[in-house]
């Protein structure tokens, strides 16, 4: 088996393990890597909203004065969910 990389019809770059017989149809191969479609996007939105409200990042001026706070909020909302996806917990 070998790994191939392709872009599907929706514009997502994908990887799959394929046999010589399925090399031309990688979507029939064994997917490699996380499927971000399985992320809890509603939960991410909720966590982003709640953290932005708690930290008072309500305007562009607030964000400009916040330093790395915005980065921390974004990472906090996504990191654990993405790690769980890699581990197969979600």
PDB file of N, CA and C in Angstrom:
ATOM      1  N   UNK A   1       0.845  -1.183   0.000  1.00  0.00           N
ATOM      2  CA  UNK A   1       0.000   0.000   0.000  1.00  0.00           C
ATOM      3  C   UNK A   1       0.887   1.242   0.000  1.00  0.00           C
ATOM      4  N   UNK A   2       0.352   2.303  -0.544  1.00  0.00           N
ATOM      5  CA  UNK A   2       1.063   3.576  -0.548  1.00  0.00           C
ATOM      6  C   UNK A   2       0.097   4.688  -0.155  1.00  0.00           C
ATOM      7  N   UNK A   3       0.666   5.803   0.280  1.00  0.00           N
ATOM      8  CA  UNK A   3      -0.146   6.959   0.654  1.00  0.00           C
ATOM      9  C   UNK A   3      -0.238   7.909  -0.538  1.00  0.00           C
ATOM     10  N   UNK A   4      -1.456   8.349  -0.821  1.00  0.00           N
ATOM     11  CA  UNK A   4      -1.658   9.360  -1.863  1.00  0.00           C
ATOM     12  C   UNK A   4      -2.355  10.566  -1.237  1.00  0.00           C
ATOM     13  N   UNK A   5      -2.112  11.714  -1.822  1.00  0.00           N
ATOM     14  CA  UNK A   5      -2.735  12.961  -1.381  1.00  0.00           C
ATOM     15  C   UNK A   5      -3.540  13.491  -2.561  1.00  0.00           C
ATOM     16  N   UNK A   6      -4.772  13.902  -2.285  1.00  0.00           N
ATOM     17  CA  UNK A   6      -5.617  14.447  -3.347  1.00  0.00           C
ATOM     18  C   UNK A   6      -6.561  15.474  -2.744  1.00  0.00           C
ATOM     19  N   UNK A   7      -7.216  16.235  -3.598  1.00  0.00           N
ATOM     20  CA  UNK A   7      -8.215  17.209  -3.181  1.00  0.00           C
ATOM     21  C   UNK A   7      -9.573  16.705  -3.634  1.00  0.00           C
ATOM     22  N   UNK A   8     -10.511  16.601  -2.682  1.00  0.00           N
ATOM     23  CA  UNK A   8     -11.831  16.077  -3.038  1.00  0.00           C
ATOM     24  C   UNK A   8     -12.683  17.163  -3.705  1.00  0.00           C
ATOM     25  N   UNK A   9     -13.882  16.795  -4.078  1.00  0.00           N
ATOM     26  CA  UNK A   9     -14.773  17.720  -4.797  1.00  0.00           C
ATOM     27  C   UNK A   9     -15.172  18.937  -3.972  1.00  0.00           C
ATOM     28  N   UNK A  10     -15.052  18.847  -2.645  1.00  0.00           N
ATOM     29  CA  UNK A  10     -15.404  19.966  -1.771  1.00  0.00           C
ATOM     30  C   UNK A  10     -14.211  20.864  -1.470  1.00  0.00           C
ATOM     31  N   UNK A  11     -13.054  20.548  -2.042  1.00  0.00           N
ATOM     32  CA  UNK A  11     -11.859  21.363  -1.844  1.00  0.00           C
ATOM     33  C   UNK A  11     -10.991  20.966  -0.669  1.00  0.00           C
ATOM     34  N   UNK A  12     -11.300  19.849   0.003  1.00  0.00           N
ATOM     35  CA  UNK A  12     -10.508  19.375   1.136  1.00  0.00           C
ATOM     36  C   UNK A  12      -9.347  18.522   0.640  1.00  0.00           C
ATOM     37  N   UNK A  13      -8.135  18.815   1.130  1.00  0.00           N
ATOM     38  CA  UNK A  13      -6.978  17.975   0.843  1.00  0.00           C
ATOM     39  C   UNK A  13      -7.080  16.753   1.744  1.00  0.00           C
ATOM     40  N   UNK A  14      -6.942  15.590   1.156  1.00  0.00           N
ATOM     41  CA  UNK A  14      -7.087  14.329   1.903  1.00  0.00           C
ATOM     42  C   UNK A  14      -5.884  13.424   1.649  1.00  0.00           C
ATOM     43  N   UNK A  15      -5.696  12.439   2.508  1.00  0.00           N
ATOM     44  CA  UNK A  15      -4.689  11.385   2.349  1.00  0.00           C
ATOM     45  C   UNK A  15      -5.393  10.051   2.510  1.00  0.00           C
ATOM     46  N   UNK A  16      -4.884   9.070   1.784  1.00  0.00           N
ATOM     47  CA  UNK A  16      -5.431   7.725   1.928  1.00  0.00           C
ATOM     48  C   UNK A  16      -4.359   6.707   1.578  1.00  0.00           C
ATOM     49  N   UNK A  17      -4.473   5.557   2.208  1.00  0.00           N
ATOM     50  CA  UNK A  17      -3.651   4.418   1.825  1.00  0.00           C
ATOM     51  C   UNK A  17      -4.387   3.696   0.709  1.00  0.00           C
ATOM     52  N   UNK A  18      -3.685   3.443  -0.380  1.00  0.00           N
ATOM     53  CA  UNK A  18      -4.320   2.796  -1.528  1.00  0.00           C
ATOM     54  C   UNK A  18      -3.479   1.628  -2.003  1.00  0.00           C
ATOM     55  N   UNK A  19      -4.131   0.744  -2.693  1.00  0.00           N
ATOM     56  CA  UNK A  19      -3.454  -0.356  -3.372  1.00  0.00           C
ATOM     57  C   UNK A  19      -3.207   0.082  -4.808  1.00  0.00           C
ATOM     58  N   UNK A  20      -2.392  -0.642  -5.541  1.00  0.00           N
ATOM     59  CA  UNK A  20      -2.207  -0.285  -6.952  1.00  0.00           C
ATOM     60  C   UNK A  20      -3.533  -0.247  -7.719  1.00  0.00           C
ATOM     61  N   UNK A  21      -4.479  -1.086  -7.335  1.00  0.00           N
ATOM     62  CA  UNK A  21      -5.766  -1.138  -8.029  1.00  0.00           C
ATOM     63  C   UNK A  21      -6.642   0.089  -7.737  1.00  0.00           C
ATOM     64  N   UNK A  22      -6.438   0.730  -6.583  1.00  0.00           N
ATOM     65  CA  UNK A  22      -7.276   1.885  -6.219  1.00  0.00           C
ATOM     66  C   UNK A  22      -6.511   3.204  -6.295  1.00  0.00           C
ATOM     67  N   UNK A  23      -5.312   3.173  -6.862  1.00  0.00           N
ATOM     68  CA  UNK A  23      -4.495   4.397  -6.929  1.00  0.00           C
ATOM     69  C   UNK A  23      -5.226   5.535  -7.638  1.00  0.00           C
ATOM     70  N   UNK A  24      -5.999   5.236  -8.654  1.00  0.00           N
ATOM     71  CA  UNK A  24      -6.710   6.273  -9.406  1.00  0.00           C
ATOM     72  C   UNK A  24      -8.025   6.698  -8.766  1.00  0.00           C
ATOM     73  N   UNK A  25      -8.430   6.013  -7.705  1.00  0.00           N
ATOM     74  CA  UNK A  25      -9.659   6.362  -6.984  1.00  0.00           C
ATOM     75  C   UNK A  25      -9.343   6.411  -5.484  1.00  0.00           C
ATOM     76  N   UNK A  26      -8.572   7.422  -5.060  1.00  0.00           N
ATOM     77  CA  UNK A  26      -8.107   7.463  -3.666  1.00  0.00           C
ATOM     78  C   UNK A  26      -9.233   7.538  -2.645  1.00  0.00           C
ATOM     79  N   UNK A  27     -10.410   8.037  -3.041  1.00  0.00           N
ATOM     80  CA  UNK A  27     -11.533   8.088  -2.103  1.00  0.00           C
ATOM     81  C   UNK A  27     -11.968   6.696  -1.666  1.00  0.00           C
ATOM     82  N   UNK A  28     -11.546   5.657  -2.387  1.00  0.00           N
ATOM     83  CA  UNK A  28     -11.854   4.273  -2.008  1.00  0.00           C
ATOM     84  C   UNK A  28     -10.787   3.680  -1.100  1.00  0.00           C
ATOM     85  N   UNK A  29      -9.714   4.441  -0.856  1.00  0.00           N
ATOM     86  CA  UNK A  29      -8.648   3.961   0.008  1.00  0.00           C
ATOM     87  C   UNK A  29      -8.992   4.116   1.483  1.00  0.00           C
ATOM     88  N   UNK A  30      -8.031   3.784   2.322  1.00  0.00           N
ATOM     89  CA  UNK A  30      -8.192   3.896   3.772  1.00  0.00           C
ATOM     90  C   UNK A  30      -7.781   5.313   4.176  1.00  0.00           C
ATOM     91  N   UNK A  31      -8.707   6.119   4.730  1.00  0.00           N
ATOM     92  CA  UNK A  31      -8.361   7.496   5.102  1.00  0.00           C
ATOM     93  C   UNK A  31      -7.254   7.549   6.144  1.00  0.00           C
ATOM     94  N   UNK A  32      -6.389   8.546   6.014  1.00  0.00           N
ATOM     95  CA  UNK A  32      -5.295   8.767   6.957  1.00  0.00           C
ATOM     96  C   UNK A  32      -5.464  10.171   7.528  1.00  0.00           C
ATOM     97  N   UNK A  33      -5.369  10.280   8.839  1.00  0.00           N
ATOM     98  CA  UNK A  33      -5.467  11.588   9.481  1.00  0.00           C
ATOM     99  C   UNK A  33      -6.862  11.854  10.008  1.00  0.00           C
ATOM    100  N   UNK A  34      -6.985  12.951  10.749  1.00  0.00           N
ATOM    101  CA  UNK A  34      -8.269  13.258  11.389  1.00  0.00           C
ATOM    102  C   UNK A  34      -9.304  13.764  10.383  1.00  0.00           C
ATOM    103  N   UNK A  35     -10.543  13.508  10.673  1.00  0.00           N
ATOM    104  CA  UNK A  35     -11.654  14.009   9.865  1.00  0.00           C
ATOM    105  C   UNK A  35     -12.259  15.197  10.610  1.00  0.00           C
ATOM    106  N   UNK A  36     -11.911  16.412  10.187  1.00  0.00           N
ATOM    107  CA  UNK A  36     -12.364  17.601  10.916  1.00  0.00           C
ATOM    108  C   UNK A  36     -13.873  17.780  10.876  1.00  0.00           C
ATOM    109  N   UNK A  37     -14.542  17.056   9.999  1.00  0.00           N
ATOM    110  CA  UNK A  37     -16.011  17.109   9.988  1.00  0.00           C
ATOM    111  C   UNK A  37     -16.594  16.569  11.290  1.00  0.00           C
ATOM    112  N   UNK A  38     -15.792  15.783  12.012  1.00  0.00           N
ATOM    113  CA  UNK A  38     -16.267  15.201  13.268  1.00  0.00           C
ATOM    114  C   UNK A  38     -16.063  16.123  14.466  1.00  0.00           C
ATOM    115  N   UNK A  39     -15.413  17.271  14.275  1.00  0.00           N
ATOM    116  CA  UNK A  39     -15.249  18.217  15.380  1.00  0.00           C
ATOM    117  C   UNK A  39     -16.601  18.768  15.816  1.00  0.00           C
ATOM    118  N   UNK A  40     -16.709  19.068  17.091  1.00  0.00           N
ATOM    119  CA  UNK A  40     -17.933  19.647  17.652  1.00  0.00           C
ATOM    120  C   UNK A  40     -17.916  21.151  17.408  1.00  0.00           C
ATOM    121  N   UNK A  41     -18.283  21.560  16.187  1.00  0.00           N
ATOM    122  CA  UNK A  41     -18.219  22.975  15.812  1.00  0.00           C
ATOM    123  C   UNK A  41     -19.179  23.820  16.645  1.00  0.00           C
ATOM    124  N   UNK A  42     -20.330  23.278  17.005  1.00  0.00           N
ATOM    125  CA  UNK A  42     -21.251  24.034  17.863  1.00  0.00           C
ATOM    126  C   UNK A  42     -20.624  24.300  19.230  1.00  0.00           C
ATOM    127  N   UNK A  43     -19.947  23.297  19.766  1.00  0.00           N
ATOM    128  CA  UNK A  43     -19.260  23.469  21.044  1.00  0.00           C
ATOM    129  C   UNK A  43     -18.115  24.458  20.948  1.00  0.00           C
ATOM    130  N   UNK A  44     -17.400  24.442  19.827  1.00  0.00           N
ATOM    131  CA  UNK A  44     -16.310  25.389  19.625  1.00  0.00           C
ATOM    132  C   UNK A  44     -16.868  26.814  19.576  1.00  0.00           C
ATOM    133  N   UNK A  45     -17.959  27.007  18.848  1.00  0.00           N
ATOM    134  CA  UNK A  45     -18.585  28.338  18.796  1.00  0.00           C
ATOM    135  C   UNK A  45     -19.011  28.809  20.179  1.00  0.00           C
ATOM    136  N   UNK A  46     -19.615  27.914  20.947  1.00  0.00           N
ATOM    137  CA  UNK A  46     -20.073  28.274  22.295  1.00  0.00           C
ATOM    138  C   UNK A  46     -18.884  28.663  23.164  1.00  0.00           C
ATOM    139  N   UNK A  47     -17.822  27.848  23.131  1.00  0.00           N
ATOM    140  CA  UNK A  47     -16.652  28.140  23.957  1.00  0.00           C
ATOM    141  C   UNK A  47     -15.980  29.444  23.543  1.00  0.00           C
ATOM    142  N   UNK A  48     -15.888  29.699  22.221  1.00  0.00           N
ATOM    143  CA  UNK A  48     -15.332  30.967  21.763  1.00  0.00           C
ATOM    144  C   UNK A  48     -16.162  32.140  22.263  1.00  0.00           C
ATOM    145  N   UNK A  49     -17.470  32.038  22.088  1.00  0.00           N
ATOM    146  CA  UNK A  49     -18.360  33.107  22.543  1.00  0.00           C
ATOM    147  C   UNK A  49     -18.191  33.370  24.029  1.00  0.00           C
ATOM    148  N   UNK A  50     -18.242  32.313  24.814  1.00  0.00           N
ATOM    149  CA  UNK A  50     -18.177  32.469  26.269  1.00  0.00           C
ATOM    150  C   UNK A  50     -16.857  33.083  26.719  1.00  0.00           C
ATOM    151  N   UNK A  51     -15.751  32.618  26.117  1.00  0.00           N
ATOM    152  CA  UNK A  51     -14.446  33.149  26.507  1.00  0.00           C
ATOM    153  C   UNK A  51     -14.291  34.607  26.070  1.00  0.00           C
ATOM    154  N   UNK A  52     -14.757  34.940  24.870  1.00  0.00           N
ATOM    155  CA  UNK A  52     -14.684  36.337  24.413  1.00  0.00           C
ATOM    156  C   UNK A  52     -15.477  37.255  25.337  1.00  0.00           C
ATOM    157  N   UNK A  53     -16.645  36.791  25.754  1.00  0.00           N
ATOM    158  CA  UNK A  53     -17.466  37.588  26.670  1.00  0.00           C
ATOM    159  C   UNK A  53     -16.788  37.720  28.034  1.00  0.00           C
ATOM    160  N   UNK A  54     -16.290  36.609  28.565  1.00  0.00           N
ATOM    161  CA  UNK A  54     -15.641  36.640  29.885  1.00  0.00           C
ATOM    162  C   UNK A  54     -14.422  37.552  29.897  1.00  0.00           C
ATOM    163  N   UNK A  55     -13.644  37.511  28.810  1.00  0.00           N
ATOM    164  CA  UNK A  55     -12.421  38.314  28.733  1.00  0.00           C
ATOM    165  C   UNK A  55     -12.688  39.748  28.301  1.00  0.00           C
ATOM    166  N   UNK A  56     -13.916  40.045  27.898  1.00  0.00           N
ATOM    167  CA  UNK A  56     -14.257  41.403  27.494  1.00  0.00           C
ATOM    168  C   UNK A  56     -13.705  41.799  26.134  1.00  0.00           C
ATOM    169  N   UNK A  57     -13.482  40.817  25.264  1.00  0.00           N
ATOM    170  CA  UNK A  57     -13.010  41.121  23.911  1.00  0.00           C
ATOM    171  C   UNK A  57     -14.234  41.324  23.028  1.00  0.00           C
ATOM    172  N   UNK A  58     -14.761  42.540  23.059  1.00  0.00           N
ATOM    173  CA  UNK A  58     -16.031  42.824  22.409  1.00  0.00           C
ATOM    174  C   UNK A  58     -15.895  43.725  21.193  1.00  0.00           C
ATOM    175  N   UNK A  59     -14.769  44.425  21.081  1.00  0.00           N
ATOM    176  CA  UNK A  59     -14.543  45.325  19.953  1.00  0.00           C
ATOM    177  C   UNK A  59     -13.144  45.090  19.397  1.00  0.00           C
ATOM    178  N   UNK A  60     -12.892  45.650  18.225  1.00  0.00           N
ATOM    179  CA  UNK A  60     -11.562  45.554  17.631  1.00  0.00           C
ATOM    180  C   UNK A  60     -10.521  46.203  18.546  1.00  0.00           C
ATOM    181  N   UNK A  61     -10.863  47.294  19.181  1.00  0.00           N
ATOM    182  CA  UNK A  61      -9.935  47.936  20.117  1.00  0.00           C
ATOM    183  C   UNK A  61      -9.597  47.003  21.278  1.00  0.00           C
ATOM    184  N   UNK A  62     -10.600  46.292  21.794  1.00  0.00           N
ATOM    185  CA  UNK A  62     -10.360  45.327  22.881  1.00  0.00           C
ATOM    186  C   UNK A  62      -9.356  44.268  22.434  1.00  0.00           C
ATOM    187  N   UNK A  63      -9.548  43.760  21.222  1.00  0.00           N
ATOM    188  CA  UNK A  63      -8.664  42.712  20.695  1.00  0.00           C
ATOM    189  C   UNK A  63      -7.249  43.253  20.534  1.00  0.00           C
ATOM    190  N   UNK A  64      -7.109  44.466  20.021  1.00  0.00           N
ATOM    191  CA  UNK A  64      -5.781  45.050  19.828  1.00  0.00           C
ATOM    192  C   UNK A  64      -5.037  45.251  21.144  1.00  0.00           C
ATOM    193  N   UNK A  65      -5.759  45.526  22.204  1.00  0.00           N
ATOM    194  CA  UNK A  65      -5.137  45.738  23.519  1.00  0.00           C
ATOM    195  C   UNK A  65      -4.917  44.424  24.279  1.00  0.00           C
ATOM    196  N   UNK A  66      -5.442  43.321  23.787  1.00  0.00           N
ATOM    197  CA  UNK A  66      -5.462  42.084  24.579  1.00  0.00           C
ATOM    198  C   UNK A  66      -4.180  41.269  24.531  1.00  0.00           C
ATOM    199  N   UNK A  67      -3.227  41.611  23.679  1.00  0.00           N
ATOM    200  CA  UNK A  67      -2.009  40.816  23.579  1.00  0.00           C
ATOM    201  C   UNK A  67      -2.318  39.437  23.016  1.00  0.00           C
ATOM    202  N   UNK A  68      -1.878  38.407  23.712  1.00  0.00           N
ATOM    203  CA  UNK A  68      -2.082  37.026  23.254  1.00  0.00           C
ATOM    204  C   UNK A  68      -3.379  36.409  23.763  1.00  0.00           C
ATOM    205  N   UNK A  69      -4.230  37.197  24.380  1.00  0.00           N
ATOM    206  CA  UNK A  69      -5.476  36.657  24.933  1.00  0.00           C
ATOM    207  C   UNK A  69      -6.344  36.015  23.857  1.00  0.00           C
ATOM    208  N   UNK A  70      -6.469  36.648  22.706  1.00  0.00           N
ATOM    209  CA  UNK A  70      -7.296  36.096  21.634  1.00  0.00           C
ATOM    210  C   UNK A  70      -6.753  34.753  21.164  1.00  0.00           C
ATOM    211  N   UNK A  71      -5.447  34.666  20.994  1.00  0.00           N
ATOM    212  CA  UNK A  71      -4.827  33.396  20.593  1.00  0.00           C
ATOM    213  C   UNK A  71      -5.133  32.308  21.618  1.00  0.00           C
ATOM    214  N   UNK A  72      -5.032  32.635  22.886  1.00  0.00           N
ATOM    215  CA  UNK A  72      -5.326  31.666  23.933  1.00  0.00           C
ATOM    216  C   UNK A  72      -6.773  31.208  23.905  1.00  0.00           C
ATOM    217  N   UNK A  73      -7.674  32.132  23.616  1.00  0.00           N
ATOM    218  CA  UNK A  73      -9.099  31.787  23.540  1.00  0.00           C
ATOM    219  C   UNK A  73      -9.345  30.819  22.386  1.00  0.00           C
ATOM    220  N   UNK A  74      -8.760  31.116  21.235  1.00  0.00           N
ATOM    221  CA  UNK A  74      -8.949  30.255  20.061  1.00  0.00           C
ATOM    222  C   UNK A  74      -8.360  28.869  20.324  1.00  0.00           C
ATOM    223  N   UNK A  75      -7.147  28.828  20.833  1.00  0.00           N
ATOM    224  CA  UNK A  75      -6.520  27.533  21.123  1.00  0.00           C
ATOM    225  C   UNK A  75      -7.311  26.765  22.181  1.00  0.00           C
ATOM    226  N   UNK A  76      -7.779  27.480  23.186  1.00  0.00           N
ATOM    227  CA  UNK A  76      -8.538  26.822  24.246  1.00  0.00           C
ATOM    228  C   UNK A  76      -9.815  26.182  23.734  1.00  0.00           C
ATOM    229  N   UNK A  77     -10.460  26.827  22.794  1.00  0.00           N
ATOM    230  CA  UNK A  77     -11.718  26.300  22.265  1.00  0.00           C
ATOM    231  C   UNK A  77     -11.496  25.086  21.369  1.00  0.00           C
ATOM    232  N   UNK A  78     -10.349  25.015  20.715  1.00  0.00           N
ATOM    233  CA  UNK A  78     -10.147  23.962  19.715  1.00  0.00           C
ATOM    234  C   UNK A  78      -9.192  22.855  20.141  1.00  0.00           C
ATOM    235  N   UNK A  79      -8.200  23.171  20.931  1.00  0.00           N
ATOM    236  CA  UNK A  79      -7.100  22.246  21.197  1.00  0.00           C
ATOM    237  C   UNK A  79      -7.552  20.886  21.704  1.00  0.00           C
ATOM    238  N   UNK A  80      -8.295  20.858  22.784  1.00  0.00           N
ATOM    239  CA  UNK A  80      -8.679  19.567  23.375  1.00  0.00           C
ATOM    240  C   UNK A  80      -9.563  18.758  22.439  1.00  0.00           C
ATOM    241  N   UNK A  81     -10.429  19.438  21.703  1.00  0.00           N
ATOM    242  CA  UNK A  81     -11.291  18.713  20.765  1.00  0.00           C
ATOM    243  C   UNK A  81     -10.482  18.117  19.616  1.00  0.00           C
ATOM    244  N   UNK A  82      -9.493  18.857  19.140  1.00  0.00           N
ATOM    245  CA  UNK A  82      -8.661  18.353  18.060  1.00  0.00           C
ATOM    246  C   UNK A  82      -7.795  17.193  18.541  1.00  0.00           C
ATOM    247  N   UNK A  83      -7.245  17.301  19.725  1.00  0.00           N
ATOM    248  CA  UNK A  83      -6.449  16.202  20.295  1.00  0.00           C
ATOM    249  C   UNK A  83      -7.328  14.964  20.449  1.00  0.00           C
ATOM    250  N   UNK A  84      -8.544  15.129  20.939  1.00  0.00           N
ATOM    251  CA  UNK A  84      -9.466  13.994  21.092  1.00  0.00           C
ATOM    252  C   UNK A  84      -9.744  13.345  19.733  1.00  0.00           C
ATOM    253  N   UNK A  85      -9.846  14.153  18.700  1.00  0.00           N
ATOM    254  CA  UNK A  85     -10.089  13.621  17.359  1.00  0.00           C
ATOM    255  C   UNK A  85      -8.913  12.765  16.913  1.00  0.00           C
ATOM    256  N   UNK A  86      -7.692  13.241  17.127  1.00  0.00           N
ATOM    257  CA  UNK A  86      -6.500  12.457  16.782  1.00  0.00           C
ATOM    258  C   UNK A  86      -6.444  11.155  17.577  1.00  0.00           C
ATOM    259  N   UNK A  87      -6.833  11.206  18.835  1.00  0.00           N
ATOM    260  CA  UNK A  87      -6.773  10.022  19.703  1.00  0.00           C
ATOM    261  C   UNK A  87      -7.918   9.059  19.443  1.00  0.00           C
ATOM    262  N   UNK A  88      -8.928   9.516  18.708  1.00  0.00           N
ATOM    263  CA  UNK A  88     -10.069   8.666  18.446  1.00  0.00           C
ATOM    264  C   UNK A  88     -11.126   8.715  19.522  1.00  0.00           C
ATOM    265  N   UNK A  89     -11.070   9.749  20.381  1.00  0.00           N
ATOM    266  CA  UNK A  89     -12.020   9.876  21.483  1.00  0.00           C
ATOM    267  C   UNK A  89     -13.349  10.469  21.027  1.00  0.00           C
ATOM    268  N   UNK A  90     -13.380  11.136  19.869  1.00  0.00           N
ATOM    269  CA  UNK A  90     -14.623  11.771  19.403  1.00  0.00           C
ATOM    270  C   UNK A  90     -15.189  10.989  18.248  1.00  0.00           C
TER     271      UNK A  90
END
